[in-house]
Amino acid sequence: MSDARLEQLGQRWTISNNELRLELKGPMTRTGQVAAYAGKLADEMDHHPTIKLEYAGLTLTINTHTAKAITQLDWDFGDRLETWLRANGWPT
């Protein structure tokens, strides 16, 4: 299941250390907008990723800590964030 779901999210997503991982490169003004939206989404879903924002880009990781695995909730978070990315000019 995870291979098909990962392919659906696109190339900027990977799985590492049992976490769903997004990496973006770009100016901080753009990646900061992604961090802000991811925070809004996290509050809406009551599911909170780790977000690392640096000058050269953004790294976001998410998994369900209680399950120590990637769960449906993580995939749903990734789907919603990826939909927003595509709608806001981030090429796939």
C-alpha atoms as a PDB file:
ATOM      1  CA  MET A   1       0.000   0.000   0.000  1.00  0.00           C
ATOM      2  CA  SER A   2       2.713   2.485   0.914  1.00  0.00           C
ATOM      3  CA  ASP A   3       4.400   2.334  -2.506  1.00  0.00           C
ATOM      4  CA  ALA A   4       1.192   3.238  -4.335  1.00  0.00           C
ATOM      5  CA  ARG A   5       0.321   5.950  -1.815  1.00  0.00           C
ATOM      6  CA  LEU A   6       3.826   7.391  -2.035  1.00  0.00           C
ATOM      7  CA  GLU A   7       3.659   7.427  -5.833  1.00  0.00           C
ATOM      8  CA  GLN A   8       0.315   9.236  -5.629  1.00  0.00           C
ATOM      9  CA  LEU A   9       1.845  11.960  -3.427  1.00  0.00           C
ATOM     10  CA  GLY A  10       4.707  12.502  -5.860  1.00  0.00           C
ATOM     11  CA  GLN A  11       8.474  12.655  -6.012  1.00  0.00           C
ATOM     12  CA  ARG A  12       8.977  15.235  -3.279  1.00  0.00           C
ATOM     13  CA  TRP A  13       7.689  12.704  -0.701  1.00  0.00           C
ATOM     14  CA  THR A  14       9.693   9.784   0.685  1.00  0.00           C
ATOM     15  CA  ILE A  15       9.574   7.368   3.587  1.00  0.00           C
ATOM     16  CA  SER A  16      12.508   7.492   5.980  1.00  0.00           C
ATOM     17  CA  ASN A  17      12.867   6.095   9.501  1.00  0.00           C
ATOM     18  CA  ASN A  18       9.207   5.043   9.522  1.00  0.00           C
ATOM     19  CA  GLU A  19       8.068   8.595   8.783  1.00  0.00           C
ATOM     20  CA  LEU A  20       6.434  10.214   5.800  1.00  0.00           C
ATOM     21  CA  ARG A  21       8.829  12.939   4.665  1.00  0.00           C
ATOM     22  CA  LEU A  22       8.446  16.017   2.467  1.00  0.00           C
ATOM     23  CA  GLU A  23      11.424  18.053   1.271  1.00  0.00           C
ATOM     24  CA  LEU A  24      11.102  21.371  -0.521  1.00  0.00           C
ATOM     25  CA  LYS A  25      13.757  23.733  -1.790  1.00  0.00           C
ATOM     26  CA  GLY A  26      12.999  27.363  -2.392  1.00  0.00           C
ATOM     27  CA  PRO A  27      13.094  30.834  -0.939  1.00  0.00           C
ATOM     28  CA  MET A  28      12.136  31.142   2.683  1.00  0.00           C
ATOM     29  CA  THR A  29       9.148  33.339   1.835  1.00  0.00           C
ATOM     30  CA  ARG A  30       7.608  30.441  -0.119  1.00  0.00           C
ATOM     31  CA  THR A  31       8.627  27.615   2.184  1.00  0.00           C
ATOM     32  CA  GLY A  32       7.428  29.688   5.132  1.00  0.00           C
ATOM     33  CA  GLN A  33       3.975  29.778   3.555  1.00  0.00           C
ATOM     34  CA  VAL A  34       4.072  25.992   3.331  1.00  0.00           C
ATOM     35  CA  ALA A  35       5.046  25.761   7.015  1.00  0.00           C
ATOM     36  CA  ALA A  36       2.169  28.072   7.955  1.00  0.00           C
ATOM     37  CA  TYR A  37      -0.343  26.018   5.968  1.00  0.00           C
ATOM     38  CA  ALA A  38       1.026  22.761   7.399  1.00  0.00           C
ATOM     39  CA  GLY A  39       0.561  24.223  10.888  1.00  0.00           C
ATOM     40  CA  LYS A  40      -3.027  25.198  10.085  1.00  0.00           C
ATOM     41  CA  LEU A  41      -3.683  21.730   8.715  1.00  0.00           C
ATOM     42  CA  ALA A  42      -2.089  20.139  11.790  1.00  0.00           C
ATOM     43  CA  ASP A  43      -4.396  22.088  14.084  1.00  0.00           C
ATOM     44  CA  GLU A  44      -7.458  21.181  11.994  1.00  0.00           C
ATOM     45  CA  MET A  45      -6.550  17.486  11.988  1.00  0.00           C
ATOM     46  CA  ASP A  46      -5.139  17.427  15.540  1.00  0.00           C
ATOM     47  CA  HIS A  47      -2.119  15.664  14.069  1.00  0.00           C
ATOM     48  CA  HIS A  48       1.208  17.436  14.263  1.00  0.00           C
ATOM     49  CA  PRO A  49       4.283  16.989  12.073  1.00  0.00           C
ATOM     50  CA  THR A  50       7.840  18.025  12.716  1.00  0.00           C
ATOM     51  CA  ILE A  51       8.683  20.989  10.496  1.00  0.00           C
ATOM     52  CA  LYS A  52      12.232  22.205   9.936  1.00  0.00           C
ATOM     53  CA  LEU A  53      12.396  25.537   8.122  1.00  0.00           C
ATOM     54  CA  GLU A  54      15.794  26.749   6.965  1.00  0.00           C
ATOM     55  CA  TYR A  55      17.041  29.349   4.532  1.00  0.00           C
ATOM     56  CA  ALA A  56      17.418  26.789   1.731  1.00  0.00           C
ATOM     57  CA  GLY A  57      14.164  24.914   2.227  1.00  0.00           C
ATOM     58  CA  LEU A  58      11.737  22.992   4.373  1.00  0.00           C
ATOM     59  CA  THR A  59      11.645  19.436   5.681  1.00  0.00           C
ATOM     60  CA  LEU A  60       8.438  18.025   7.152  1.00  0.00           C
ATOM     61  CA  THR A  61       8.130  14.593   8.728  1.00  0.00           C
ATOM     62  CA  ILE A  62       5.036  12.936  10.106  1.00  0.00           C
ATOM     63  CA  ASN A  63       4.009   9.624  11.584  1.00  0.00           C
ATOM     64  CA  THR A  64       1.625   8.465  14.254  1.00  0.00           C
ATOM     65  CA  HIS A  65       3.774   8.332  17.381  1.00  0.00           C
ATOM     66  CA  THR A  66       1.410   6.073  19.328  1.00  0.00           C
ATOM     67  CA  ALA A  67       1.458   3.512  16.509  1.00  0.00           C
ATOM     68  CA  LYS A  68       5.171   4.055  15.775  1.00  0.00           C
ATOM     69  CA  ALA A  69       4.186   3.829  12.126  1.00  0.00           C
ATOM     70  CA  ILE A  70       2.722   5.685   9.188  1.00  0.00           C
ATOM     71  CA  THR A  71      -1.057   5.420   9.485  1.00  0.00           C
ATOM     72  CA  GLN A  72      -4.051   6.512   7.440  1.00  0.00           C
ATOM     73  CA  LEU A  73      -4.036   9.824   9.299  1.00  0.00           C
ATOM     74  CA  ASP A  74      -0.489  10.533   8.073  1.00  0.00           C
ATOM     75  CA  TRP A  75      -1.430   9.689   4.491  1.00  0.00           C
ATOM     76  CA  ASP A  76      -4.470  11.955   4.769  1.00  0.00           C
ATOM     77  CA  PHE A  77      -2.259  14.786   6.041  1.00  0.00           C
ATOM     78  CA  GLY A  78       0.135  14.243   3.129  1.00  0.00           C
ATOM     79  CA  ASP A  79      -2.723  14.165   0.613  1.00  0.00           C
ATOM     80  CA  ARG A  80      -4.179  17.431   1.874  1.00  0.00           C
ATOM     81  CA  LEU A  81      -0.806  19.175   1.992  1.00  0.00           C
ATOM     82  CA  GLU A  82       0.142  17.960  -1.480  1.00  0.00           C
ATOM     83  CA  THR A  83      -3.195  19.152  -2.871  1.00  0.00           C
ATOM     84  CA  TRP A  84      -2.494  22.599  -1.395  1.00  0.00           C
ATOM     85  CA  LEU A  85       1.068  22.598  -2.784  1.00  0.00           C
ATOM     86  CA  ARG A  86      -0.135  21.859  -6.308  1.00  0.00           C
ATOM     87  CA  ALA A  87      -2.901  24.477  -6.063  1.00  0.00           C
ATOM     88  CA  ASN A  88      -0.341  27.064  -4.937  1.00  0.00           C
ATOM     89  CA  GLY A  89       2.206  26.743  -7.702  1.00  0.00           C
ATOM     90  CA  TRP A  90       4.587  24.084  -6.423  1.00  0.00           C
ATOM     91  CA  PRO A  91       5.454  21.945  -9.459  1.00  0.00           C
ATOM     92  CA  THR A  92       5.173  18.194  -9.077  1.00  0.00           C
END
